[in-house]
Each structure stands twice: as C-alpha cells, then as structure tokens.
C-alpha cells in the first residue's frame, strides 16, 4: 500500500474510534438524564472524562494524520 492510503485508513479508523467514544458518552449522559440523576460521583466523572479526552485526542490525531501526510 502506498503512504497516502495508509494515512487515510488510519485517519478513518481514528475517526471511527472517536465516534464510538462520542456515542458512549452521549448514551451514558442520556441514561443519567432519563433517571433524573443530576450529580455524578468521582468514578462516573473519571469514566466520562476519560472518554471525552479520548474523543478530543482521537479527533485531533485523525485530523493531523489526514491533512499532514
């Protein structure tokens, strides 16, 4: 495979993982909203925070691997 195709496949893979992280955080927050749970404990904050950081990191890394080959 040439270098451009490898870079594009890597970028799409990273965006797919970022989309999974977004979906996970969205569904978790919707579940809490449905149950009228306003406060998160420490472990839940770490769980959501981890996936938000992962979402931002994977999106930025995917963008850089797509545009800067």
N, C-alpha and C. Protein backbone atom coordinates (compact mmCIF):
# COMPACT_ATOMS: atom_id res chain seq x y z
N UNK A 1 0.84 -1.18 0.00
CA UNK A 1 0.00 0.00 0.00
C UNK A 1 0.88 1.24 0.00
N UNK A 2 0.40 2.25 -0.67
CA UNK A 2 1.17 3.47 -0.68
C UNK A 2 0.92 4.27 0.60
N UNK A 3 1.73 5.27 0.81
CA UNK A 3 1.71 6.04 2.05
C UNK A 3 0.41 6.83 2.23
N UNK A 4 -0.16 7.34 1.16
CA UNK A 4 -1.40 8.13 1.25
C UNK A 4 -2.56 7.24 1.69
N UNK A 5 -2.64 6.04 1.15
CA UNK A 5 -3.72 5.13 1.51
C UNK A 5 -3.60 4.68 2.96
N UNK A 6 -2.39 4.42 3.42
CA UNK A 6 -2.20 4.05 4.83
C UNK A 6 -2.63 5.18 5.74
N UNK A 7 -2.29 6.39 5.38
CA UNK A 7 -2.65 7.56 6.18
C UNK A 7 -4.16 7.75 6.21
N UNK A 8 -4.83 7.55 5.10
CA UNK A 8 -6.28 7.72 5.02
C UNK A 8 -6.99 6.65 5.84
N UNK A 9 -6.54 5.42 5.74
CA UNK A 9 -7.14 4.33 6.52
C UNK A 9 -6.95 4.58 8.01
N UNK A 10 -5.78 5.05 8.40
CA UNK A 10 -5.52 5.37 9.80
C UNK A 10 -6.44 6.49 10.27
N UNK A 11 -6.62 7.51 9.46
CA UNK A 11 -7.48 8.62 9.84
C UNK A 11 -8.93 8.17 10.00
N UNK A 12 -9.43 7.36 9.08
CA UNK A 12 -10.81 6.87 9.20
C UNK A 12 -10.97 5.97 10.42
N UNK A 13 -9.97 5.18 10.73
CA UNK A 13 -10.02 4.34 11.92
C UNK A 13 -10.08 5.19 13.18
N UNK A 14 -9.27 6.24 13.23
CA UNK A 14 -9.28 7.12 14.40
C UNK A 14 -10.60 7.85 14.53
N UNK A 15 -11.18 8.29 13.43
CA UNK A 15 -12.48 8.94 13.48
C UNK A 15 -13.57 7.96 13.91
N UNK A 16 -13.45 6.69 13.53
CA UNK A 16 -14.40 5.68 13.97
C UNK A 16 -14.33 5.47 15.47
N UNK A 17 -13.13 5.42 16.02
CA UNK A 17 -12.97 5.30 17.47
C UNK A 17 -13.48 6.54 18.19
N UNK A 18 -13.27 7.71 17.60
CA UNK A 18 -13.79 8.94 18.19
C UNK A 18 -15.32 8.93 18.17
N UNK A 19 -15.90 8.45 17.10
CA UNK A 19 -17.36 8.34 17.02
C UNK A 19 -17.91 7.38 18.05
N UNK A 20 -17.19 6.28 18.29
CA UNK A 20 -17.59 5.34 19.33
C UNK A 20 -17.55 6.00 20.70
N UNK A 21 -16.51 6.78 20.97
CA UNK A 21 -16.40 7.48 22.25
C UNK A 21 -17.53 8.48 22.41
N UNK A 22 -17.85 9.21 21.35
CA UNK A 22 -18.95 10.15 21.40
C UNK A 22 -20.27 9.45 21.70
N UNK A 23 -20.52 8.35 21.03
CA UNK A 23 -21.75 7.60 21.24
C UNK A 23 -21.84 7.07 22.66
N UNK A 24 -20.73 6.60 23.19
CA UNK A 24 -20.70 6.08 24.55
C UNK A 24 -21.03 7.17 25.57
N UNK A 25 -20.39 8.34 25.45
CA UNK A 25 -20.65 9.45 26.37
C UNK A 25 -22.08 9.94 26.20
N UNK A 26 -22.56 10.05 24.99
CA UNK A 26 -23.92 10.52 24.74
C UNK A 26 -24.95 9.60 25.38
N UNK A 27 -24.81 8.31 25.17
CA UNK A 27 -25.77 7.37 25.74
C UNK A 27 -25.69 7.33 27.26
N UNK A 28 -24.51 7.45 27.81
CA UNK A 28 -24.35 7.47 29.26
C UNK A 28 -25.03 8.70 29.86
N UNK A 29 -24.85 9.84 29.24
CA UNK A 29 -25.47 11.07 29.74
C UNK A 29 -26.98 11.05 29.54
N UNK A 30 -27.46 10.47 28.46
CA UNK A 30 -28.89 10.35 28.25
C UNK A 30 -29.53 9.42 29.28
N UNK A 31 -28.83 8.37 29.64
CA UNK A 31 -29.32 7.45 30.66
C UNK A 31 -29.44 8.18 32.00
N UNK A 32 -28.44 8.97 32.34
CA UNK A 32 -28.49 9.73 33.59
C UNK A 32 -29.59 10.78 33.56
N UNK A 33 -29.83 11.39 32.42
CA UNK A 33 -30.89 12.38 32.31
C UNK A 33 -32.27 11.72 32.44
N UNK A 34 -32.42 10.55 31.87
CA UNK A 34 -33.69 9.83 31.96
C UNK A 34 -34.00 9.43 33.40
N UNK A 35 -32.96 9.07 34.14
CA UNK A 35 -33.13 8.68 35.53
C UNK A 35 -33.14 9.88 36.47
N UNK A 36 -33.06 11.08 35.94
CA UNK A 36 -33.03 12.33 36.72
C UNK A 36 -31.89 12.33 37.72
N UNK A 37 -30.75 11.84 37.29
CA UNK A 37 -29.55 11.80 38.13
C UNK A 37 -28.71 13.02 37.79
N UNK A 38 -28.68 14.00 38.70
CA UNK A 38 -28.02 15.27 38.43
C UNK A 38 -26.54 15.26 38.82
N UNK A 39 -26.19 14.58 39.87
CA UNK A 39 -24.81 14.58 40.36
C UNK A 39 -24.11 13.28 39.97
N UNK A 40 -22.87 13.42 39.56
CA UNK A 40 -22.04 12.25 39.27
C UNK A 40 -21.03 12.08 40.39
N UNK A 41 -20.78 10.83 40.77
CA UNK A 41 -19.74 10.61 41.77
C UNK A 41 -18.36 10.62 41.10
N UNK A 42 -17.35 10.43 41.88
CA UNK A 42 -15.97 10.56 41.38
C UNK A 42 -15.67 9.57 40.26
N UNK A 43 -16.10 8.33 40.41
CA UNK A 43 -15.81 7.31 39.41
C UNK A 43 -16.55 7.58 38.10
N UNK A 44 -17.75 8.08 38.20
CA UNK A 44 -18.50 8.40 36.98
C UNK A 44 -17.89 9.59 36.27
N UNK A 45 -17.40 10.58 37.02
CA UNK A 45 -16.71 11.72 36.40
C UNK A 45 -15.44 11.27 35.69
N UNK A 46 -14.71 10.35 36.30
CA UNK A 46 -13.50 9.84 35.66
C UNK A 46 -13.84 9.06 34.39
N UNK A 47 -14.93 8.28 34.43
CA UNK A 47 -15.36 7.50 33.28
C UNK A 47 -15.72 8.40 32.10
N UNK A 48 -16.56 9.39 32.36
CA UNK A 48 -16.97 10.31 31.30
C UNK A 48 -15.79 11.16 30.85
N UNK A 49 -14.98 11.63 31.78
CA UNK A 49 -13.81 12.45 31.44
C UNK A 49 -12.81 11.70 30.58
N UNK A 50 -12.60 10.42 30.87
CA UNK A 50 -11.68 9.61 30.06
C UNK A 50 -12.14 9.55 28.61
N UNK A 51 -13.42 9.30 28.40
CA UNK A 51 -13.91 9.18 27.04
C UNK A 51 -14.00 10.53 26.33
N UNK A 52 -14.21 11.61 27.06
CA UNK A 52 -14.18 12.93 26.44
C UNK A 52 -12.76 13.27 26.00
N UNK A 53 -11.78 12.99 26.84
CA UNK A 53 -10.37 13.23 26.47
C UNK A 53 -9.99 12.33 25.29
N UNK A 54 -10.44 11.09 25.31
CA UNK A 54 -10.17 10.18 24.20
C UNK A 54 -10.82 10.68 22.91
N UNK A 55 -12.03 11.19 23.00
CA UNK A 55 -12.73 11.74 21.84
C UNK A 55 -11.97 12.92 21.25
N UNK A 56 -11.55 13.85 22.07
CA UNK A 56 -10.81 15.02 21.59
C UNK A 56 -9.46 14.61 21.02
N UNK A 57 -8.75 13.75 21.72
CA UNK A 57 -7.43 13.32 21.25
C UNK A 57 -7.48 12.57 19.94
N UNK A 58 -8.41 11.64 19.82
CA UNK A 58 -8.52 10.86 18.57
C UNK A 58 -8.96 11.73 17.40
N UNK A 59 -9.83 12.68 17.67
CA UNK A 59 -10.27 13.57 16.59
C UNK A 59 -9.11 14.43 16.10
N UNK A 60 -8.36 15.00 17.02
CA UNK A 60 -7.21 15.83 16.62
C UNK A 60 -6.14 15.00 15.92
N UNK A 61 -5.87 13.81 16.44
CA UNK A 61 -4.86 12.96 15.82
C UNK A 61 -5.32 12.48 14.43
N UNK A 62 -6.61 12.20 14.30
CA UNK A 62 -7.15 11.82 12.99
C UNK A 62 -7.06 12.95 11.99
N UNK A 63 -7.37 14.17 12.43
CA UNK A 63 -7.26 15.32 11.53
C UNK A 63 -5.82 15.56 11.10
N UNK A 64 -4.90 15.47 12.02
CA UNK A 64 -3.50 15.70 11.66
C UNK A 64 -2.96 14.60 10.75
N UNK A 65 -3.39 13.36 10.96
CA UNK A 65 -2.90 12.29 10.08
C UNK A 65 -3.56 12.36 8.70
N UNK A 66 -4.72 12.98 8.62
CA UNK A 66 -5.38 13.09 7.32
C UNK A 66 -4.80 14.23 6.49
N UNK A 67 -4.51 15.36 7.12
CA UNK A 67 -4.09 16.54 6.37
C UNK A 67 -2.58 16.70 6.25
N UNK A 68 -1.83 16.14 7.18
CA UNK A 68 -0.36 16.27 7.13
C UNK A 68 0.23 14.91 6.89
N UNK A 69 0.38 14.56 5.64
CA UNK A 69 0.87 13.24 5.27
C UNK A 69 2.35 13.24 5.18
